[in-house]
Amino acid sequence: MANTGLSTFDQGFVNTSSTKSSITYIDGDEGILRYRGYPIEELASQKSFLETTYLLIYGELPSADEAAEFDQSLRRHTLLHEDMKDFFRAFPHNAHPMSVMSSAVTALSTFYQDSLDPKDPEQVEISTLRLLAKLPVIAAYAHKNSVGQAFVYPDNSLSMVENFLKMTFGNYAEEYTQNSVVT
């Protein structure tokens, strides 16, 4: 690829070799999935979404203080620029949600031009936090647009999962009640 600028698409990875990763280990034949050495079953049953996300990004599980700071960092970035609402409304209601979401993620860079350098660790960090914080909002807004309902703003007093569910399935006409089984 470096010499020609071309790449090869190998559908289903039929002719693609695997490599080692410090992030994920998969052995499909044995039913093993690990993130950073931790079995997925352990992470799913004992750690929060945010703790697992922190692990994937930083390579270790957060301390209580690190988890709290990470949570606050994400909460600071949940709001989308108001002009993004027009962006969502420009899509047909029957547009596939993944197409809308991928377009919205790409559009984020036009609103946050202060963090576009992939070689600057600080800019990569802020872009990572923004994307993590805004992706649930983007997903909820894509859904709301597809069903013709008003967008629901993030409520940072809720957990990330609770917030996502409220933005996706709640509305301003009635109070949204969380399902404790889901959250």
N, C-alpha and C. Protein backbone atom coordinates (compact mmCIF):
# COMPACT_ATOMS: atom_id res chain seq x y z
N MET A 1 0.82 -1.19 0.00
CA MET A 1 0.00 0.00 0.00
C MET A 1 0.87 1.25 0.00
N ALA A 2 1.98 1.23 0.71
CA ALA A 2 2.82 2.42 0.81
C ALA A 2 3.37 2.84 -0.55
N ASN A 3 3.67 1.87 -1.41
CA ASN A 3 4.26 2.20 -2.70
C ASN A 3 3.24 2.67 -3.72
N THR A 4 2.04 2.11 -3.69
CA THR A 4 1.04 2.42 -4.72
C THR A 4 -0.05 3.36 -4.26
N GLY A 5 -0.27 3.41 -2.95
CA GLY A 5 -1.38 4.20 -2.44
C GLY A 5 -2.70 3.46 -2.52
N LEU A 6 -2.67 2.22 -2.99
CA LEU A 6 -3.87 1.42 -3.12
C LEU A 6 -3.98 0.45 -1.96
N SER A 7 -5.18 0.02 -1.67
CA SER A 7 -5.39 -0.99 -0.63
C SER A 7 -6.24 -2.11 -1.19
N THR A 8 -6.23 -3.23 -0.50
CA THR A 8 -6.98 -4.40 -0.92
C THR A 8 -8.11 -4.65 0.06
N PHE A 9 -9.31 -4.91 -0.46
CA PHE A 9 -10.44 -5.25 0.38
C PHE A 9 -10.59 -6.76 0.37
N ASP A 10 -10.57 -7.36 1.54
CA ASP A 10 -10.68 -8.81 1.68
C ASP A 10 -11.96 -9.11 2.46
N GLN A 11 -13.06 -9.24 1.73
CA GLN A 11 -14.35 -9.47 2.36
C GLN A 11 -14.32 -10.75 3.18
N GLY A 12 -14.71 -10.64 4.45
CA GLY A 12 -14.72 -11.80 5.34
C GLY A 12 -13.35 -12.18 5.84
N PHE A 13 -12.33 -11.43 5.51
CA PHE A 13 -10.95 -11.70 5.93
C PHE A 13 -10.51 -13.12 5.54
N VAL A 14 -10.92 -13.57 4.36
CA VAL A 14 -10.59 -14.90 3.89
C VAL A 14 -9.09 -15.07 3.69
N ASN A 15 -8.42 -14.04 3.19
CA ASN A 15 -6.98 -14.12 2.91
C ASN A 15 -6.16 -13.14 3.75
N THR A 16 -6.71 -12.73 4.88
CA THR A 16 -6.02 -11.76 5.73
C THR A 16 -5.49 -12.46 6.97
N SER A 17 -4.23 -12.23 7.26
CA SER A 17 -3.63 -12.81 8.45
C SER A 17 -3.97 -11.97 9.67
N SER A 18 -4.00 -12.61 10.80
CA SER A 18 -4.24 -11.88 12.04
C SER A 18 -2.91 -11.41 12.62
N THR A 19 -3.00 -10.59 13.61
CA THR A 19 -1.81 -10.09 14.27
C THR A 19 -2.08 -10.01 15.76
N LYS A 20 -1.06 -9.76 16.52
CA LYS A 20 -1.23 -9.62 17.97
C LYS A 20 -1.68 -8.21 18.29
N SER A 21 -2.48 -8.11 19.34
CA SER A 21 -2.99 -6.82 19.78
C SER A 21 -2.89 -6.75 21.30
N SER A 22 -2.51 -5.61 21.80
CA SER A 22 -2.48 -5.42 23.26
C SER A 22 -3.86 -5.04 23.78
N ILE A 23 -4.80 -4.78 22.89
CA ILE A 23 -6.14 -4.36 23.30
C ILE A 23 -7.11 -5.53 23.37
N THR A 24 -7.16 -6.32 22.31
CA THR A 24 -8.17 -7.38 22.23
C THR A 24 -7.53 -8.72 21.89
N TYR A 25 -8.03 -9.76 22.54
CA TYR A 25 -7.65 -11.13 22.18
C TYR A 25 -8.94 -11.90 21.91
N ILE A 26 -8.99 -12.54 20.76
CA ILE A 26 -10.18 -13.31 20.37
C ILE A 26 -9.75 -14.71 19.95
N ASP A 27 -10.40 -15.71 20.52
CA ASP A 27 -10.28 -17.09 20.05
C ASP A 27 -11.70 -17.60 19.89
N GLY A 28 -12.23 -17.44 18.69
CA GLY A 28 -13.62 -17.80 18.43
C GLY A 28 -13.91 -19.27 18.63
N ASP A 29 -12.94 -20.12 18.31
CA ASP A 29 -13.14 -21.56 18.48
C ASP A 29 -13.34 -21.94 19.94
N GLU A 30 -12.65 -21.23 20.82
CA GLU A 30 -12.73 -21.52 22.26
C GLU A 30 -13.72 -20.61 22.99
N GLY A 31 -14.29 -19.66 22.27
CA GLY A 31 -15.25 -18.75 22.89
C GLY A 31 -14.59 -17.76 23.84
N ILE A 32 -13.38 -17.32 23.49
CA ILE A 32 -12.63 -16.41 24.36
C ILE A 32 -12.60 -15.01 23.74
N LEU A 33 -12.96 -14.03 24.54
CA LEU A 33 -12.82 -12.62 24.18
C LEU A 33 -12.28 -11.90 25.39
N ARG A 34 -11.13 -11.25 25.22
CA ARG A 34 -10.51 -10.51 26.31
C ARG A 34 -10.19 -9.09 25.85
N TYR A 35 -10.39 -8.16 26.76
CA TYR A 35 -9.95 -6.78 26.55
C TYR A 35 -8.84 -6.50 27.54
N ARG A 36 -7.67 -6.17 27.00
CA ARG A 36 -6.50 -5.86 27.84
C ARG A 36 -6.24 -6.96 28.86
N GLY A 37 -6.50 -8.21 28.47
CA GLY A 37 -6.24 -9.36 29.33
C GLY A 37 -7.40 -9.78 30.22
N TYR A 38 -8.43 -8.97 30.31
CA TYR A 38 -9.58 -9.29 31.16
C TYR A 38 -10.64 -10.02 30.34
N PRO A 39 -11.17 -11.14 30.85
CA PRO A 39 -12.26 -11.81 30.14
C PRO A 39 -13.48 -10.89 30.05
N ILE A 40 -14.12 -10.90 28.89
CA ILE A 40 -15.27 -10.03 28.69
C ILE A 40 -16.38 -10.31 29.69
N GLU A 41 -16.51 -11.58 30.11
CA GLU A 41 -17.54 -11.92 31.09
C GLU A 41 -17.32 -11.19 32.41
N GLU A 42 -16.06 -11.09 32.80
CA GLU A 42 -15.72 -10.39 34.05
C GLU A 42 -16.01 -8.90 33.92
N LEU A 43 -15.62 -8.32 32.81
CA LEU A 43 -15.86 -6.89 32.61
C LEU A 43 -17.36 -6.59 32.55
N ALA A 44 -18.10 -7.43 31.83
CA ALA A 44 -19.55 -7.20 31.68
C ALA A 44 -20.29 -7.33 33.00
N SER A 45 -19.84 -8.22 33.86
CA SER A 45 -20.58 -8.46 35.11
C SER A 45 -20.07 -7.63 36.28
N GLN A 46 -18.82 -7.15 36.22
CA GLN A 46 -18.25 -6.49 37.39
C GLN A 46 -17.82 -5.04 37.16
N LYS A 47 -17.74 -4.61 35.93
CA LYS A 47 -17.25 -3.26 35.64
C LYS A 47 -18.31 -2.49 34.85
N SER A 48 -18.27 -1.19 35.00
CA SER A 48 -19.21 -0.34 34.27
C SER A 48 -18.73 -0.14 32.83
N PHE A 49 -19.63 0.38 32.02
CA PHE A 49 -19.27 0.74 30.65
C PHE A 49 -18.09 1.72 30.65
N LEU A 50 -18.15 2.72 31.53
CA LEU A 50 -17.09 3.73 31.55
C LEU A 50 -15.76 3.14 32.02
N GLU A 51 -15.79 2.25 32.99
CA GLU A 51 -14.55 1.61 33.44
C GLU A 51 -13.94 0.78 32.31
N THR A 52 -14.78 0.07 31.58
CA THR A 52 -14.28 -0.74 30.47
C THR A 52 -13.75 0.14 29.35
N THR A 53 -14.43 1.23 29.08
CA THR A 53 -13.96 2.18 28.07
C THR A 53 -12.60 2.75 28.46
N TYR A 54 -12.46 3.13 29.72
CA TYR A 54 -11.18 3.65 30.23
C TYR A 54 -10.09 2.60 30.02
N LEU A 55 -10.39 1.35 30.35
CA LEU A 55 -9.44 0.25 30.17
C LEU A 55 -8.99 0.15 28.72
N LEU A 56 -9.91 0.21 27.80
CA LEU A 56 -9.56 0.09 26.39
C LEU A 56 -8.68 1.24 25.92
N ILE A 57 -8.96 2.44 26.40
CA ILE A 57 -8.19 3.62 25.97
C ILE A 57 -6.83 3.69 26.64
N TYR A 58 -6.80 3.53 27.96
CA TYR A 58 -5.58 3.80 28.73
C TYR A 58 -4.80 2.55 29.13
N GLY A 59 -5.37 1.37 28.92
CA GLY A 59 -4.62 0.15 29.17
C GLY A 59 -4.74 -0.43 30.55
N GLU A 60 -5.45 0.24 31.43
CA GLU A 60 -5.65 -0.28 32.78
C GLU A 60 -6.99 0.21 33.32
N LEU A 61 -7.51 -0.54 34.27
CA LEU A 61 -8.76 -0.12 34.90
C LEU A 61 -8.51 1.12 35.74
N PRO A 62 -9.47 2.03 35.79
CA PRO A 62 -9.27 3.27 36.54
C PRO A 62 -9.43 3.07 38.04
N SER A 63 -8.73 3.89 38.80
CA SER A 63 -9.00 3.99 40.23
C SER A 63 -10.33 4.70 40.38
N ALA A 64 -10.84 4.78 41.59
CA ALA A 64 -12.11 5.48 41.82
C ALA A 64 -12.00 6.95 41.39
N ASP A 65 -10.88 7.59 41.73
CA ASP A 65 -10.68 8.99 41.35
C ASP A 65 -10.57 9.16 39.83
N GLU A 66 -9.83 8.25 39.19
CA GLU A 66 -9.69 8.31 37.73
C GLU A 66 -11.04 8.09 37.04
N ALA A 67 -11.83 7.16 37.56
CA ALA A 67 -13.15 6.89 36.99
C ALA A 67 -14.05 8.11 37.12
N ALA A 68 -14.01 8.76 38.27
CA ALA A 68 -14.84 9.96 38.49
C ALA A 68 -14.41 11.09 37.56
N GLU A 69 -13.11 11.29 37.40
CA GLU A 69 -12.61 12.34 36.51
C GLU A 69 -12.96 12.03 35.05
N PHE A 70 -12.84 10.78 34.66
CA PHE A 70 -13.19 10.36 33.30
C PHE A 70 -14.67 10.61 33.04
N ASP A 71 -15.50 10.25 33.99
CA ASP A 71 -16.94 10.47 33.88
C ASP A 71 -17.24 11.96 33.72
N GLN A 72 -16.62 12.79 34.54
CA GLN A 72 -16.84 14.24 34.45
C GLN A 72 -16.34 14.80 33.12
N SER A 73 -15.21 14.29 32.65
CA SER A 73 -14.68 14.74 31.36
C SER A 73 -15.66 14.46 30.24
N LEU A 74 -16.29 13.30 30.28
CA LEU A 74 -17.27 12.96 29.26
C LEU A 74 -18.53 13.81 29.39
N ARG A 75 -18.98 14.03 30.61
CA ARG A 75 -20.19 14.84 30.82
C ARG A 75 -20.03 16.26 30.28
N ARG A 76 -18.80 16.77 30.31
CA ARG A 76 -18.55 18.13 29.81
C ARG A 76 -18.73 18.24 28.29
N HIS A 77 -18.79 17.10 27.62
CA HIS A 77 -18.81 17.12 26.15
C HIS A 77 -20.04 16.49 25.53
N THR A 78 -21.12 16.32 26.28
CA THR A 78 -22.28 15.63 25.71
C THR A 78 -23.09 16.48 24.73
N LEU A 79 -23.15 17.77 24.93
CA LEU A 79 -23.97 18.61 24.05
C LEU A 79 -23.41 18.66 22.64
N LEU A 80 -24.30 18.58 21.68
CA LEU A 80 -23.93 18.79 20.28
C LEU A 80 -24.17 20.26 19.95
N HIS A 81 -23.41 20.77 19.02
CA HIS A 81 -23.64 22.12 18.53
C HIS A 81 -25.07 22.20 17.99
N GLU A 82 -25.76 23.29 18.27
CA GLU A 82 -27.16 23.44 17.86
C GLU A 82 -27.35 23.27 16.35
N ASP A 83 -26.35 23.67 15.57
CA ASP A 83 -26.47 23.54 14.12
C ASP A 83 -26.53 22.08 13.67
N MET A 84 -26.09 21.17 14.53
CA MET A 84 -26.15 19.75 14.18
C MET A 84 -27.61 19.28 14.04
N LYS A 85 -28.53 19.94 14.73
CA LYS A 85 -29.94 19.55 14.59
C LYS A 85 -30.40 19.71 13.14
N ASP A 86 -29.98 20.81 12.51
CA ASP A 86 -30.32 21.02 11.09
C ASP A 86 -29.71 19.93 10.23
N PHE A 87 -28.52 19.51 10.59
CA PHE A 87 -27.83 18.44 9.87
C PHE A 87 -28.68 17.17 9.89
N PHE A 88 -29.16 16.80 11.09
CA PHE A 88 -29.99 15.59 11.21
C PHE A 88 -31.29 15.75 10.43
N ARG A 89 -31.90 16.91 10.54
CA ARG A 89 -33.18 17.15 9.87
C ARG A 89 -33.07 17.10 8.35
N ALA A 90 -31.86 17.31 7.83
CA ALA A 90 -31.67 17.29 6.38
C ALA A 90 -31.74 15.88 5.80
N PHE A 91 -31.61 14.87 6.65
CA PHE A 91 -31.69 13.49 6.17
C PHE A 91 -33.14 13.05 6.06
N PRO A 92 -33.44 12.21 5.06
CA PRO A 92 -34.79 11.65 4.98
C PRO A 92 -35.08 10.81 6.23
N HIS A 93 -36.33 10.76 6.63
CA HIS A 93 -36.70 9.98 7.81
C HIS A 93 -36.41 8.50 7.65
N ASN A 94 -36.39 8.03 6.41
CA ASN A 94 -36.14 6.61 6.19
C ASN A 94 -34.66 6.31 5.91
N ALA A 95 -33.78 7.28 6.10
CA ALA A 95 -32.34 7.04 5.93
C ALA A 95 -31.87 6.03 6.97
N HIS A 96 -30.95 5.17 6.58
CA HIS A 96 -30.45 4.17 7.52
C HIS A 96 -29.72 4.89 8.66
N PRO A 97 -30.01 4.52 9.91
CA PRO A 97 -29.39 5.20 11.06
C PRO A 97 -27.86 5.18 11.05
N MET A 98 -27.26 4.09 10.56
CA MET A 98 -25.80 4.04 10.53
C MET A 98 -25.23 5.04 9.53
N SER A 99 -25.92 5.26 8.43
CA SER A 99 -25.47 6.27 7.47
C SER A 99 -25.55 7.66 8.08
N VAL A 100 -26.63 7.91 8.79
CA VAL A 100 -26.79 9.21 9.45
C VAL A 100 -25.71 9.38 10.52
N MET A 101 -25.50 8.34 11.32
CA MET A 101 -24.50 8.43 12.39
C MET A 101 -23.09 8.64 11.83
N SER A 102 -22.72 7.89 10.80
CA SER A 102 -21.37 8.05 10.26
C SER A 102 -21.18 9.44 9.67
N SER A 103 -22.21 9.96 9.04
CA SER A 103 -22.14 11.33 8.51
C SER A 103 -22.00 12.35 9.63
N ALA A 104 -22.75 12.15 10.71
CA ALA A 104 -22.69 13.07 11.84
C ALA A 104 -21.32 13.04 12.52
N VAL A 105 -20.75 11.85 12.65
CA VAL A 105 -19.41 11.74 13.25
C VAL A 105 -18.40 12.49 12.38
N THR A 106 -18.49 12.32 11.09
CA THR A 106 -17.59 13.03 10.18
C THR A 106 -17.79 14.54 10.31
N ALA A 107 -19.03 14.97 10.44
CA ALA A 107 -19.33 16.40 10.54
C ALA A 107 -18.79 17.03 11.82
N LEU A 108 -18.59 16.22 12.87
CA LEU A 108 -18.09 16.79 14.13
C LEU A 108 -16.80 17.57 13.93
N SER A 109 -15.94 17.10 13.04
CA SER A 109 -14.65 17.78 12.84
C SER A 109 -14.83 19.20 12.32
N THR A 110 -15.95 19.49 11.68
CA THR A 110 -16.18 20.85 11.20
C THR A 110 -16.54 21.80 12.33
N PHE A 111 -17.03 21.25 13.43
CA PHE A 111 -17.39 22.07 14.58
C PHE A 111 -16.26 22.16 15.60
N TYR A 112 -15.32 21.24 15.54
CA TYR A 112 -14.22 21.19 16.52
C TYR A 112 -12.89 21.15 15.80
N GLN A 113 -12.55 22.26 15.18
CA GLN A 113 -11.33 22.34 14.38
C GLN A 113 -10.08 22.54 15.23
N ASP A 114 -10.26 22.62 16.54
CA ASP A 114 -9.12 22.80 17.44
C ASP A 114 -8.42 21.48 17.77
N SER A 115 -8.93 20.37 17.26
CA SER A 115 -8.36 19.07 17.65
C SER A 115 -8.34 18.10 16.48
N LEU A 116 -7.70 18.51 15.40
CA LEU A 116 -7.67 17.70 14.19
C LEU A 116 -6.32 17.04 13.91
N ASP A 117 -5.30 17.36 14.70
CA ASP A 117 -3.96 16.83 14.44
C ASP A 117 -3.78 15.46 15.08
N PRO A 118 -3.74 14.39 14.28
CA PRO A 118 -3.62 13.04 14.85
C PRO A 118 -2.26 12.75 15.48
N LYS A 119 -1.30 13.65 15.31
CA LYS A 119 0.03 13.45 15.89
C LYS A 119 0.20 14.19 17.22
N ASP A 120 -0.80 14.96 17.61
CA ASP A 120 -0.75 15.70 18.86
C ASP A 120 -1.55 14.93 19.91
N PRO A 121 -0.88 14.35 20.91
CA PRO A 121 -1.58 13.53 21.91
C PRO A 121 -2.71 14.26 22.64
N GLU A 122 -2.55 15.54 22.91
CA GLU A 122 -3.60 16.30 23.59
C GLU A 122 -4.83 16.45 22.70
N GLN A 123 -4.61 16.68 21.41
CA GLN A 123 -5.74 16.80 20.49
C GLN A 123 -6.43 15.45 20.29
N VAL A 124 -5.65 14.39 20.25
CA VAL A 124 -6.24 13.05 20.14
C VAL A 124 -7.08 12.75 21.38
N GLU A 125 -6.57 13.12 22.55
CA GLU A 125 -7.29 12.90 23.81
C GLU A 125 -8.64 13.63 23.81
N ILE A 126 -8.64 14.90 23.45
CA ILE A 126 -9.89 15.67 23.49
C ILE A 126 -10.85 15.16 22.41
N SER A 127 -10.33 14.78 21.26
CA SER A 127 -11.20 14.22 20.22
C SER A 127 -11.82 12.90 20.66
N THR A 128 -11.05 12.09 21.36
CA THR A 128 -11.55 10.81 21.88
C THR A 128 -12.67 11.05 22.88
N LEU A 129 -12.45 11.97 23.82
CA LEU A 129 -13.48 12.27 24.82
C LEU A 129 -14.74 12.84 24.17
N ARG A 130 -14.55 13.74 23.22
CA ARG A 130 -15.71 14.32 22.54
C ARG A 130 -16.51 13.24 21.81
N LEU A 131 -15.81 12.38 21.10
CA LEU A 131 -16.52 11.34 20.35
C LEU A 131 -17.27 10.40 21.28
N LEU A 132 -16.62 9.97 22.36
CA LEU A 132 -17.28 9.09 23.32
C LEU A 132 -18.51 9.75 23.93
N ALA A 133 -18.41 11.02 24.25
CA ALA A 133 -19.52 11.73 24.89
C ALA A 133 -20.65 12.02 23.91
N LYS A 134 -20.30 12.30 22.67
CA LYS A 134 -21.30 12.74 21.70
C LYS A 134 -21.94 11.59 20.92
N LEU A 135 -21.28 10.45 20.84
CA LEU A 135 -21.83 9.36 20.03
C LEU A 135 -23.19 8.87 20.53
N PRO A 136 -23.42 8.74 21.84
CA PRO A 136 -24.78 8.37 22.27
C PRO A 136 -25.82 9.42 21.88
N VAL A 137 -25.44 10.68 21.92
CA VAL A 137 -26.36 11.76 21.52
C VAL A 137 -26.64 11.66 20.02
N ILE A 138 -25.59 11.43 19.25
CA ILE A 138 -25.75 11.27 17.80
C ILE A 138 -26.68 10.10 17.49
N ALA A 139 -26.47 8.98 18.17
CA ALA A 139 -27.32 7.80 17.94
C ALA A 139 -28.78 8.10 18.30
N ALA A 140 -28.98 8.75 19.43
CA ALA A 140 -30.35 9.09 19.86
C ALA A 140 -30.99 10.06 18.87
N TYR A 141 -30.24 11.07 18.43
CA TYR A 141 -30.79 12.04 17.49
C TYR A 141 -31.11 11.38 16.14
N ALA A 142 -30.27 10.45 15.70
CA ALA A 142 -30.54 9.73 14.45
C ALA A 142 -31.86 8.97 14.57
N HIS A 143 -32.06 8.34 15.73
CA HIS A 143 -33.32 7.61 15.95
C HIS A 143 -34.50 8.58 15.98
N LYS A 144 -34.37 9.65 16.75
CA LYS A 144 -35.47 10.61 16.87
C LYS A 144 -35.85 11.17 15.50
N ASN A 145 -34.85 11.48 14.68
CA ASN A 145 -35.14 12.00 13.35
C ASN A 145 -35.87 10.95 12.51
N SER A 146 -35.49 9.68 12.66
CA SER A 146 -36.11 8.63 11.85
C SER A 146 -37.58 8.40 12.20
N VAL A 147 -37.96 8.74 13.43
CA VAL A 147 -39.36 8.57 13.83
C VAL A 147 -40.11 9.90 13.89
N GLY A 148 -39.46 10.97 13.46
CA GLY A 148 -40.12 12.27 13.38
C GLY A 148 -40.42 12.91 14.72
N GLN A 149 -39.61 12.62 15.73
CA GLN A 149 -39.84 13.20 17.06
C GLN A 149 -38.80 14.27 17.37
N ALA A 150 -39.13 15.12 18.33
CA ALA A 150 -38.22 16.18 18.76
C ALA A 150 -37.00 15.58 19.45
N PHE A 151 -35.86 16.23 19.24
CA PHE A 151 -34.63 15.80 19.90
C PHE A 151 -34.72 16.10 21.39
N VAL A 152 -34.19 15.20 22.20
CA VAL A 152 -34.15 15.38 23.65
C VAL A 152 -32.71 15.68 24.04
N TYR A 153 -32.50 16.79 24.73
CA TYR A 153 -31.15 17.17 25.15
C TYR A 153 -30.59 16.18 26.17
N PRO A 154 -29.26 16.05 26.22
CA PRO A 154 -28.65 15.21 27.26
C PRO A 154 -28.96 15.76 28.65
N ASP A 155 -29.06 14.87 29.60
CA ASP A 155 -29.26 15.21 31.01
C ASP A 155 -28.06 14.65 31.77
N ASN A 156 -27.10 15.50 32.06
CA ASN A 156 -25.85 15.03 32.65
C ASN A 156 -25.96 14.60 34.10
N SER A 157 -27.15 14.66 34.67
CA SER A 157 -27.33 14.10 36.02
C SER A 157 -27.53 12.59 35.94
N LEU A 158 -27.74 12.07 34.73
CA LEU A 158 -27.95 10.64 34.53
C LEU A 158 -26.64 9.96 34.12
N SER A 159 -26.60 8.64 34.30
CA SER A 159 -25.45 7.88 33.80
C SER A 159 -25.49 7.91 32.28
N MET A 160 -24.41 7.50 31.65
CA MET A 160 -24.35 7.50 30.20
C MET A 160 -25.45 6.62 29.60
N VAL A 161 -25.67 5.46 30.17
CA VAL A 161 -26.70 4.54 29.66
C VAL A 161 -28.09 5.13 29.89
N GLU A 162 -28.36 5.63 31.09
CA GLU A 162 -29.67 6.23 31.38
C GLU A 162 -29.93 7.42 30.46
N ASN A 163 -28.91 8.23 30.26
CA ASN A 163 -29.02 9.40 29.40
C ASN A 163 -29.35 9.00 27.97
N PHE A 164 -28.64 8.00 27.46
CA PHE A 164 -28.89 7.52 26.11
C PHE A 164 -30.33 7.03 25.95
N LEU A 165 -30.79 6.24 26.90
CA LEU A 165 -32.15 5.72 26.83
C LEU A 165 -33.19 6.83 26.88
N LYS A 166 -32.96 7.81 27.74
CA LYS A 166 -33.91 8.93 27.84
C LYS A 166 -33.93 9.74 26.54
N MET A 167 -32.74 10.02 25.98
CA MET A 167 -32.69 10.78 24.74
C MET A 167 -33.31 10.01 23.58
N THR A 168 -33.19 8.69 23.60
CA THR A 168 -33.69 7.86 22.51
C THR A 168 -35.19 7.62 22.60
N PHE A 169 -35.68 7.32 23.79
CA PHE A 169 -37.07 6.89 23.94
C PHE A 169 -37.96 7.87 24.70
N GLY A 170 -37.37 8.89 25.32
CA GLY A 170 -38.15 9.87 26.05
C GLY A 170 -38.66 10.97 25.13
N ASN A 171 -39.53 11.81 25.68
CA ASN A 171 -39.98 12.99 24.96
C ASN A 171 -40.36 14.06 25.97
N TYR A 172 -40.57 15.27 25.48
CA TYR A 172 -40.85 16.38 26.38
C TYR A 172 -42.28 16.40 26.89
N ALA A 173 -43.17 15.63 26.28
CA ALA A 173 -44.58 15.66 26.67
C ALA A 173 -44.87 14.86 27.93
N GLU A 174 -43.98 13.94 28.28
CA GLU A 174 -44.22 13.13 29.47
C GLU A 174 -42.88 12.74 30.11
N GLU A 175 -42.95 12.45 31.38
CA GLU A 175 -41.74 12.07 32.12
C GLU A 175 -41.29 10.68 31.67
N TYR A 176 -40.00 10.54 31.47
CA TYR A 176 -39.45 9.24 31.06
C TYR A 176 -39.07 8.44 32.30
N THR A 177 -39.54 7.21 32.36
CA THR A 177 -39.24 6.32 33.48
C THR A 177 -38.23 5.28 33.02
N GLN A 178 -37.11 5.22 33.73
CA GLN A 178 -36.06 4.27 33.39
C GLN A 178 -36.49 2.85 33.75
N ASN A 179 -36.14 1.90 32.91
CA ASN A 179 -36.35 0.48 33.19
C ASN A 179 -35.12 -0.02 33.93
N SER A 180 -35.27 -0.38 35.20
CA SER A 180 -34.12 -0.77 36.02
C SER A 180 -33.43 -2.03 35.52
N VAL A 181 -34.13 -2.86 34.77
CA VAL A 181 -33.50 -4.06 34.21
C VAL A 181 -32.50 -3.67 33.14
N VAL A 182 -32.81 -2.65 32.37
CA VAL A 182 -31.95 -2.21 31.28
C VAL A 182 -30.78 -1.39 31.80
N THR A 183 -31.03 -0.52 32.76
CA THR A 183 -29.98 0.37 33.24
C THR A 183 -29.22 -0.27 34.35
